[in-house]
N, C-alpha and C. Protein backbone atom coordinates (compact mmCIF):
# COMPACT_ATOMS: atom_id res chain seq x y z
N MET A 1 -8.07 102.96 26.58
CA MET A 1 -7.80 103.31 25.20
C MET A 1 -7.64 102.02 24.40
N ARG A 2 -8.27 101.93 23.26
CA ARG A 2 -8.15 100.70 22.47
C ARG A 2 -7.27 100.94 21.24
N GLN A 3 -6.66 99.86 20.80
CA GLN A 3 -5.77 99.95 19.64
C GLN A 3 -6.61 100.08 18.37
N VAL A 4 -6.25 101.04 17.52
CA VAL A 4 -7.10 101.29 16.35
C VAL A 4 -6.38 101.19 15.02
N MET A 5 -5.08 101.03 15.05
CA MET A 5 -4.42 100.99 13.74
C MET A 5 -3.16 100.16 13.78
N ARG A 6 -2.79 99.65 12.63
CA ARG A 6 -1.51 98.98 12.44
C ARG A 6 -0.92 99.53 11.15
N VAL A 7 0.30 100.01 11.22
CA VAL A 7 1.00 100.51 10.05
C VAL A 7 2.00 99.44 9.64
N THR A 8 1.94 99.01 8.40
CA THR A 8 2.85 97.98 7.93
C THR A 8 3.87 98.60 6.99
N VAL A 9 5.13 98.25 7.17
CA VAL A 9 6.21 98.81 6.39
C VAL A 9 6.97 97.68 5.71
N LEU A 10 7.19 97.79 4.40
CA LEU A 10 7.90 96.76 3.65
C LEU A 10 9.20 97.29 3.09
N LEU A 11 10.05 96.38 2.60
CA LEU A 11 11.35 96.72 2.03
C LEU A 11 11.22 97.09 0.56
N ILE A 12 11.85 98.18 0.17
CA ILE A 12 11.88 98.63 -1.22
C ILE A 12 13.31 99.00 -1.57
N LEU A 13 13.70 98.76 -2.82
CA LEU A 13 15.05 99.09 -3.28
C LEU A 13 14.99 100.08 -4.42
N GLY A 14 15.94 101.02 -4.49
CA GLY A 14 16.05 101.93 -5.62
C GLY A 14 16.89 101.30 -6.71
N THR A 15 16.53 101.48 -7.98
CA THR A 15 17.22 100.77 -9.05
C THR A 15 18.56 101.36 -9.44
N LEU A 16 18.69 102.66 -9.46
CA LEU A 16 19.89 103.25 -10.02
C LEU A 16 21.14 102.92 -9.23
N SER A 17 21.03 102.87 -7.93
CA SER A 17 22.21 102.54 -7.13
C SER A 17 22.06 101.22 -6.41
N LEU A 18 20.87 100.65 -6.43
CA LEU A 18 20.56 99.45 -5.68
C LEU A 18 20.88 99.61 -4.20
N ALA A 19 20.72 100.81 -3.69
CA ALA A 19 20.95 101.07 -2.27
C ALA A 19 19.84 100.39 -1.47
N LYS A 20 20.21 99.50 -0.58
CA LYS A 20 19.21 98.77 0.19
C LYS A 20 18.68 99.63 1.32
N THR A 21 17.40 99.47 1.56
CA THR A 21 16.76 100.14 2.68
C THR A 21 16.22 99.08 3.62
N THR A 22 16.24 99.36 4.90
CA THR A 22 15.65 98.45 5.88
C THR A 22 14.69 99.24 6.75
N GLN A 23 13.56 98.60 7.05
CA GLN A 23 12.51 99.22 7.83
C GLN A 23 11.91 98.18 8.76
N PRO A 24 11.22 98.59 9.82
CA PRO A 24 10.52 97.62 10.67
C PRO A 24 9.38 96.97 9.88
N ILE A 25 9.01 95.75 10.25
CA ILE A 25 7.95 95.04 9.54
C ILE A 25 6.59 95.68 9.81
N PHE A 26 6.32 96.03 11.07
CA PHE A 26 5.07 96.73 11.37
C PHE A 26 5.24 97.56 12.63
N ILE A 27 4.35 98.51 12.78
CA ILE A 27 4.32 99.38 13.95
C ILE A 27 2.87 99.48 14.41
N ASP A 28 2.63 99.25 15.68
CA ASP A 28 1.30 99.43 16.26
C ASP A 28 1.24 100.78 16.95
N SER A 29 0.08 101.41 16.87
CA SER A 29 -0.07 102.73 17.49
C SER A 29 -1.52 102.93 17.90
N TYR A 30 -1.75 103.93 18.72
CA TYR A 30 -3.10 104.35 19.08
C TYR A 30 -3.45 105.60 18.30
N GLU A 31 -4.73 105.74 17.99
CA GLU A 31 -5.19 106.91 17.27
C GLU A 31 -4.85 108.17 18.06
N GLY A 32 -4.35 109.19 17.35
CA GLY A 32 -3.99 110.45 17.98
C GLY A 32 -2.54 110.53 18.42
N GLN A 33 -1.83 109.40 18.42
CA GLN A 33 -0.42 109.40 18.78
C GLN A 33 0.45 109.73 17.58
N GLU A 34 1.67 110.18 17.86
CA GLU A 34 2.66 110.37 16.81
C GLU A 34 3.25 109.00 16.45
N VAL A 35 3.38 108.74 15.16
CA VAL A 35 4.00 107.51 14.68
C VAL A 35 5.25 107.89 13.91
N ASN A 36 6.38 107.28 14.26
CA ASN A 36 7.65 107.51 13.57
C ASN A 36 8.13 106.21 12.98
N ILE A 37 8.36 106.21 11.67
CA ILE A 37 8.85 105.03 10.96
C ILE A 37 10.25 105.35 10.46
N THR A 38 11.23 104.61 10.94
CA THR A 38 12.61 104.85 10.54
C THR A 38 13.00 103.91 9.42
N CYS A 39 13.74 104.43 8.46
CA CYS A 39 14.26 103.65 7.34
C CYS A 39 15.77 103.85 7.30
N ASN A 40 16.52 102.77 7.33
CA ASN A 40 17.98 102.85 7.23
C ASN A 40 18.40 102.64 5.79
N HIS A 41 19.25 103.51 5.29
CA HIS A 41 19.78 103.40 3.93
C HIS A 41 21.24 103.83 3.98
N THR A 42 22.06 102.95 4.56
CA THR A 42 23.46 103.27 4.84
C THR A 42 24.32 103.38 3.59
N ASP A 43 23.87 102.82 2.47
CA ASP A 43 24.64 102.87 1.23
C ASP A 43 24.17 103.97 0.29
N ILE A 44 23.48 104.96 0.79
CA ILE A 44 22.93 106.02 -0.06
C ILE A 44 24.05 106.82 -0.72
N ALA A 45 23.88 107.11 -2.00
CA ALA A 45 24.86 107.90 -2.75
C ALA A 45 24.57 109.40 -2.56
N THR A 46 25.54 110.22 -2.86
CA THR A 46 25.41 111.66 -2.62
C THR A 46 24.34 112.32 -3.49
N ASN A 47 23.99 111.71 -4.64
CA ASN A 47 23.00 112.30 -5.54
C ASN A 47 21.60 111.71 -5.36
N GLU A 48 21.40 110.85 -4.39
CA GLU A 48 20.13 110.15 -4.27
C GLU A 48 19.15 110.86 -3.34
N TYR A 49 17.88 110.75 -3.71
CA TYR A 49 16.78 111.31 -2.94
C TYR A 49 16.14 110.20 -2.11
N ILE A 50 15.46 110.59 -1.06
CA ILE A 50 14.72 109.66 -0.21
C ILE A 50 13.25 109.94 -0.44
N LEU A 51 12.52 108.94 -0.89
CA LEU A 51 11.10 109.08 -1.17
C LEU A 51 10.32 108.11 -0.30
N TRP A 52 9.15 108.52 0.11
CA TRP A 52 8.24 107.66 0.85
C TRP A 52 6.91 107.60 0.10
N TYR A 53 6.39 106.40 -0.04
CA TYR A 53 5.08 106.15 -0.61
C TYR A 53 4.25 105.43 0.43
N ARG A 54 2.95 105.49 0.29
CA ARG A 54 2.08 104.69 1.14
C ARG A 54 1.02 104.05 0.28
N GLN A 55 0.62 102.85 0.68
CA GLN A 55 -0.36 102.09 -0.09
C GLN A 55 -1.50 101.67 0.83
N PHE A 56 -2.67 102.21 0.56
CA PHE A 56 -3.85 101.86 1.34
C PHE A 56 -4.41 100.54 0.83
N PRO A 57 -5.18 99.83 1.64
CA PRO A 57 -5.75 98.55 1.21
C PRO A 57 -6.52 98.68 -0.11
N ASP A 58 -6.27 97.75 -1.00
CA ASP A 58 -6.94 97.68 -2.31
C ASP A 58 -6.68 98.88 -3.21
N GLN A 59 -5.54 99.57 -3.01
CA GLN A 59 -5.16 100.69 -3.86
C GLN A 59 -3.70 100.57 -4.25
N GLY A 60 -3.29 101.32 -5.25
CA GLY A 60 -1.89 101.37 -5.63
C GLY A 60 -1.12 102.31 -4.73
N PRO A 61 0.21 102.27 -4.79
CA PRO A 61 1.03 103.16 -3.97
C PRO A 61 0.78 104.63 -4.33
N GLN A 62 0.82 105.48 -3.31
CA GLN A 62 0.65 106.93 -3.49
C GLN A 62 1.86 107.63 -2.91
N PHE A 63 2.34 108.63 -3.62
CA PHE A 63 3.47 109.41 -3.13
C PHE A 63 3.08 110.09 -1.82
N ALA A 64 3.98 110.04 -0.82
CA ALA A 64 3.72 110.71 0.45
C ALA A 64 4.60 111.94 0.63
N ILE A 65 5.93 111.77 0.49
CA ILE A 65 6.86 112.86 0.74
C ILE A 65 8.24 112.48 0.21
N GLN A 66 9.05 113.48 -0.10
CA GLN A 66 10.43 113.22 -0.53
C GLN A 66 11.36 114.26 0.08
N GLY A 67 12.63 113.90 0.19
CA GLY A 67 13.61 114.84 0.71
C GLY A 67 15.00 114.50 0.23
N PHE A 68 15.91 115.42 0.44
CA PHE A 68 17.29 115.21 0.03
C PHE A 68 18.25 115.34 1.20
N LYS A 69 18.24 116.48 1.90
CA LYS A 69 19.18 116.69 3.01
C LYS A 69 18.52 117.16 4.30
N GLU A 70 17.45 117.90 4.20
CA GLU A 70 16.91 118.54 5.39
C GLU A 70 15.51 118.01 5.70
N THR A 71 14.97 118.48 6.80
CA THR A 71 13.62 118.12 7.19
C THR A 71 12.62 118.74 6.22
N VAL A 72 11.62 117.94 5.84
CA VAL A 72 10.59 118.38 4.90
C VAL A 72 9.23 118.09 5.53
N LYS A 73 8.28 119.00 5.33
CA LYS A 73 6.94 118.83 5.89
C LYS A 73 5.92 119.10 4.81
N ASN A 74 4.88 118.27 4.75
CA ASN A 74 3.75 118.53 3.86
C ASN A 74 2.47 118.15 4.59
N GLU A 75 1.35 118.12 3.87
CA GLU A 75 0.07 117.82 4.50
C GLU A 75 -0.06 116.36 4.92
N VAL A 76 0.81 115.48 4.43
CA VAL A 76 0.76 114.05 4.76
C VAL A 76 1.62 113.72 5.97
N ALA A 77 2.87 114.22 5.98
CA ALA A 77 3.83 113.78 7.00
C ALA A 77 4.98 114.77 7.13
N ILE A 78 5.88 114.45 8.05
CA ILE A 78 7.14 115.17 8.20
C ILE A 78 8.25 114.15 7.96
N LEU A 79 9.24 114.52 7.15
CA LEU A 79 10.37 113.65 6.85
C LEU A 79 11.62 114.25 7.48
N PHE A 80 12.19 113.51 8.42
CA PHE A 80 13.42 113.94 9.09
C PHE A 80 14.61 113.22 8.46
N ILE A 81 15.60 113.97 7.99
CA ILE A 81 16.80 113.39 7.39
C ILE A 81 18.01 113.96 8.13
N PRO A 82 18.77 113.11 8.84
CA PRO A 82 19.95 113.62 9.55
C PRO A 82 21.05 114.02 8.56
N HIS A 83 22.04 114.75 9.05
CA HIS A 83 23.12 115.28 8.21
C HIS A 83 23.83 114.18 7.40
N ASP A 84 24.05 113.00 7.99
CA ASP A 84 24.78 111.93 7.27
C ASP A 84 23.90 111.18 6.27
N ARG A 85 22.57 111.39 6.28
CA ARG A 85 21.61 110.80 5.34
C ARG A 85 21.61 109.27 5.36
N LYS A 86 22.13 108.64 6.38
CA LYS A 86 22.19 107.17 6.46
C LYS A 86 20.86 106.57 6.89
N SER A 87 19.93 107.42 7.27
CA SER A 87 18.60 106.98 7.67
C SER A 87 17.63 108.14 7.44
N SER A 88 16.35 107.83 7.53
CA SER A 88 15.33 108.87 7.50
C SER A 88 14.18 108.40 8.37
N THR A 89 13.41 109.36 8.87
CA THR A 89 12.26 109.03 9.71
C THR A 89 11.03 109.74 9.17
N LEU A 90 10.02 108.95 8.84
CA LEU A 90 8.73 109.48 8.42
C LEU A 90 7.89 109.63 9.68
N SER A 91 7.38 110.82 9.92
CA SER A 91 6.57 111.07 11.11
C SER A 91 5.15 111.42 10.72
N LEU A 92 4.20 110.73 11.33
CA LEU A 92 2.78 111.05 11.22
C LEU A 92 2.40 111.65 12.57
N PRO A 93 2.32 112.98 12.66
CA PRO A 93 2.18 113.64 13.97
C PRO A 93 0.95 113.22 14.78
N LEU A 94 -0.18 113.08 14.14
CA LEU A 94 -1.42 112.66 14.82
C LEU A 94 -2.06 111.55 14.00
N ALA A 95 -1.58 110.34 14.18
CA ALA A 95 -2.06 109.22 13.37
C ALA A 95 -3.54 108.95 13.63
N THR A 96 -4.24 108.65 12.54
CA THR A 96 -5.64 108.26 12.63
C THR A 96 -5.81 106.92 11.94
N LEU A 97 -6.99 106.36 12.06
CA LEU A 97 -7.27 105.09 11.40
C LEU A 97 -7.06 105.20 9.89
N ARG A 98 -7.29 106.38 9.33
CA ARG A 98 -7.10 106.59 7.89
C ARG A 98 -5.64 106.50 7.46
N ASP A 99 -4.71 106.55 8.40
CA ASP A 99 -3.29 106.43 8.08
C ASP A 99 -2.82 104.98 7.99
N THR A 100 -3.70 104.02 8.26
CA THR A 100 -3.34 102.62 8.18
C THR A 100 -3.01 102.28 6.73
N ALA A 101 -1.76 101.87 6.49
CA ALA A 101 -1.29 101.61 5.12
C ALA A 101 0.04 100.88 5.18
N VAL A 102 0.49 100.45 4.02
CA VAL A 102 1.86 99.96 3.86
C VAL A 102 2.69 101.16 3.45
N TYR A 103 3.79 101.43 4.16
CA TYR A 103 4.65 102.58 3.89
C TYR A 103 5.95 102.09 3.28
N TYR A 104 6.33 102.68 2.13
CA TYR A 104 7.53 102.29 1.40
C TYR A 104 8.58 103.39 1.46
N CYS A 105 9.79 103.03 1.81
CA CYS A 105 10.93 103.94 1.78
C CYS A 105 11.76 103.59 0.55
N ILE A 106 12.05 104.57 -0.29
CA ILE A 106 12.76 104.33 -1.55
C ILE A 106 13.92 105.31 -1.66
N VAL A 107 15.06 104.82 -2.10
CA VAL A 107 16.23 105.66 -2.34
C VAL A 107 16.53 105.58 -3.83
N THR A 108 16.53 106.73 -4.51
CA THR A 108 16.77 106.73 -5.95
C THR A 108 17.32 108.08 -6.40
N ALA A 109 18.08 108.08 -7.47
CA ALA A 109 18.61 109.33 -8.04
C ALA A 109 17.60 109.97 -8.98
N THR A 110 16.53 109.26 -9.34
CA THR A 110 15.52 109.77 -10.26
C THR A 110 14.33 110.28 -9.47
N VAL A 111 14.00 111.54 -9.66
CA VAL A 111 12.87 112.14 -8.96
C VAL A 111 12.04 112.93 -9.96
N ARG A 112 10.74 112.74 -9.90
CA ARG A 112 9.81 113.53 -10.71
C ARG A 112 9.11 114.50 -9.77
N GLN A 113 9.17 115.78 -10.05
CA GLN A 113 8.60 116.77 -9.16
C GLN A 113 7.08 116.90 -9.32
N THR A 114 6.56 116.61 -10.51
CA THR A 114 5.13 116.75 -10.72
C THR A 114 4.58 115.48 -11.34
N GLY A 115 3.26 115.34 -11.28
CA GLY A 115 2.62 114.20 -11.90
C GLY A 115 2.77 112.94 -11.07
N LEU A 116 2.40 111.84 -11.69
CA LEU A 116 2.40 110.54 -11.03
C LEU A 116 3.48 109.68 -11.65
N HIS A 117 4.39 109.19 -10.86
CA HIS A 117 5.53 108.43 -11.37
C HIS A 117 5.83 107.32 -10.38
N LEU A 118 5.09 106.23 -10.47
CA LEU A 118 5.18 105.21 -9.44
C LEU A 118 5.98 103.99 -9.82
N CYS A 119 6.10 103.69 -11.09
CA CYS A 119 6.63 102.38 -11.45
C CYS A 119 8.04 102.39 -12.01
N SER A 120 8.33 103.23 -13.00
CA SER A 120 9.63 103.14 -13.63
C SER A 120 10.72 103.56 -12.67
N ASN A 121 11.91 103.05 -12.90
CA ASN A 121 13.09 103.30 -12.09
C ASN A 121 12.95 102.78 -10.66
N LEU A 122 12.11 101.79 -10.45
CA LEU A 122 12.00 101.16 -9.14
C LEU A 122 12.15 99.65 -9.28
N LEU A 123 12.76 99.04 -8.32
CA LEU A 123 12.73 97.60 -8.18
C LEU A 123 11.92 97.31 -6.93
N TRP A 124 10.85 96.60 -7.09
CA TRP A 124 10.03 96.25 -5.94
C TRP A 124 10.52 94.89 -5.47
N GLY A 125 10.74 94.71 -4.20
CA GLY A 125 11.30 93.44 -3.77
C GLY A 125 10.90 93.03 -2.38
N MET A 126 10.81 91.77 -2.19
CA MET A 126 10.63 91.13 -0.90
C MET A 126 11.11 89.70 -1.11
N ARG A 127 12.38 89.49 -1.07
CA ARG A 127 13.07 88.22 -1.32
C ARG A 127 13.40 87.99 -2.79
N ARG A 128 12.71 88.62 -3.72
CA ARG A 128 13.11 88.53 -5.12
C ARG A 128 12.89 89.88 -5.77
N LEU A 129 13.65 90.17 -6.80
CA LEU A 129 13.58 91.47 -7.44
C LEU A 129 12.79 91.37 -8.73
N LEU A 130 11.95 92.33 -8.97
CA LEU A 130 11.18 92.40 -10.20
C LEU A 130 11.45 93.73 -10.86
N LYS A 131 11.80 93.73 -12.12
CA LYS A 131 11.99 94.98 -12.85
C LYS A 131 10.62 95.43 -13.33
N VAL A 132 10.30 96.65 -13.05
CA VAL A 132 8.98 97.18 -13.36
C VAL A 132 9.10 98.21 -14.47
N LYS A 133 8.23 98.09 -15.49
CA LYS A 133 8.23 99.03 -16.61
C LYS A 133 6.87 99.72 -16.65
N GLN A 134 6.90 101.02 -16.81
CA GLN A 134 5.70 101.84 -16.80
C GLN A 134 5.33 102.27 -18.21
N SER A 135 4.02 102.26 -18.53
CA SER A 135 3.56 102.59 -19.89
C SER A 135 3.87 104.03 -20.28
N ALA A 136 3.66 104.96 -19.40
CA ALA A 136 3.97 106.37 -19.67
C ALA A 136 4.98 106.84 -18.64
N GLU A 137 6.00 107.57 -19.09
CA GLU A 137 7.02 108.01 -18.14
C GLU A 137 6.45 108.95 -17.09
N LEU A 138 5.53 109.82 -17.50
CA LEU A 138 4.95 110.78 -16.58
C LEU A 138 3.47 110.92 -16.89
N LEU A 139 2.66 110.90 -15.86
CA LEU A 139 1.22 111.01 -16.02
C LEU A 139 0.71 112.08 -15.07
N SER A 140 0.17 113.16 -15.60
CA SER A 140 -0.40 114.22 -14.77
C SER A 140 -1.89 113.99 -14.65
N VAL A 141 -2.40 114.05 -13.43
CA VAL A 141 -3.81 113.77 -13.18
C VAL A 141 -4.38 114.89 -12.32
N GLN A 142 -5.54 115.39 -12.73
CA GLN A 142 -6.25 116.39 -11.93
C GLN A 142 -6.80 115.71 -10.67
N ASP A 143 -6.92 116.46 -9.60
CA ASP A 143 -7.48 115.95 -8.36
C ASP A 143 -8.88 115.40 -8.60
N ARG A 144 -9.13 114.22 -8.12
CA ARG A 144 -10.41 113.51 -8.21
C ARG A 144 -10.73 113.01 -9.62
N ALA A 145 -9.82 113.14 -10.56
CA ALA A 145 -10.05 112.62 -11.92
C ALA A 145 -9.56 111.18 -11.98
N SER A 146 -10.17 110.40 -12.84
CA SER A 146 -9.71 109.02 -13.01
C SER A 146 -8.66 108.96 -14.10
N SER A 147 -7.77 107.99 -13.98
CA SER A 147 -6.71 107.83 -14.95
C SER A 147 -6.22 106.40 -14.89
N SER A 148 -5.41 106.01 -15.86
CA SER A 148 -4.90 104.65 -15.91
C SER A 148 -3.40 104.68 -16.15
N LEU A 149 -2.69 103.87 -15.40
CA LEU A 149 -1.25 103.75 -15.53
C LEU A 149 -0.93 102.27 -15.54
N ASN A 150 -0.30 101.79 -16.61
CA ASN A 150 0.01 100.36 -16.73
C ASN A 150 1.46 100.09 -16.39
N CYS A 151 1.68 99.11 -15.52
CA CYS A 151 3.02 98.68 -15.14
C CYS A 151 3.15 97.20 -15.46
N THR A 152 4.25 96.84 -16.12
CA THR A 152 4.50 95.44 -16.44
C THR A 152 5.85 95.02 -15.91
């Protein structure tokens, strides 16, 4: 069996509470195996949600899944959240080469249920913090339609 994918995970911080998250730098896996990425967020507040995004090469971040207290499943992944909410685990049950991406774990009290909301209310960081401002607070996009979202 040959190695076919590498999943890279980076550190992301939520702005409203500045709750720090920690994740492994990378995970190697074989195609068809289950991949579990754990994110520790020991300072999570009671009103905060856990969100996961993934970023494919040469693309912007895409929403993957979100949860609050319980296990959540969608077409992308399964999100396991223990009762104490001090960590979460993103599970890709049958990883394929198409799952190769950078995976971001974010803790924030601000959640948008619909549309695209990638930039505002986030601090992106890796040794330094950058405040990100989004041109439109909420952008709804039809599947396969093109759109533009400006972040400064």
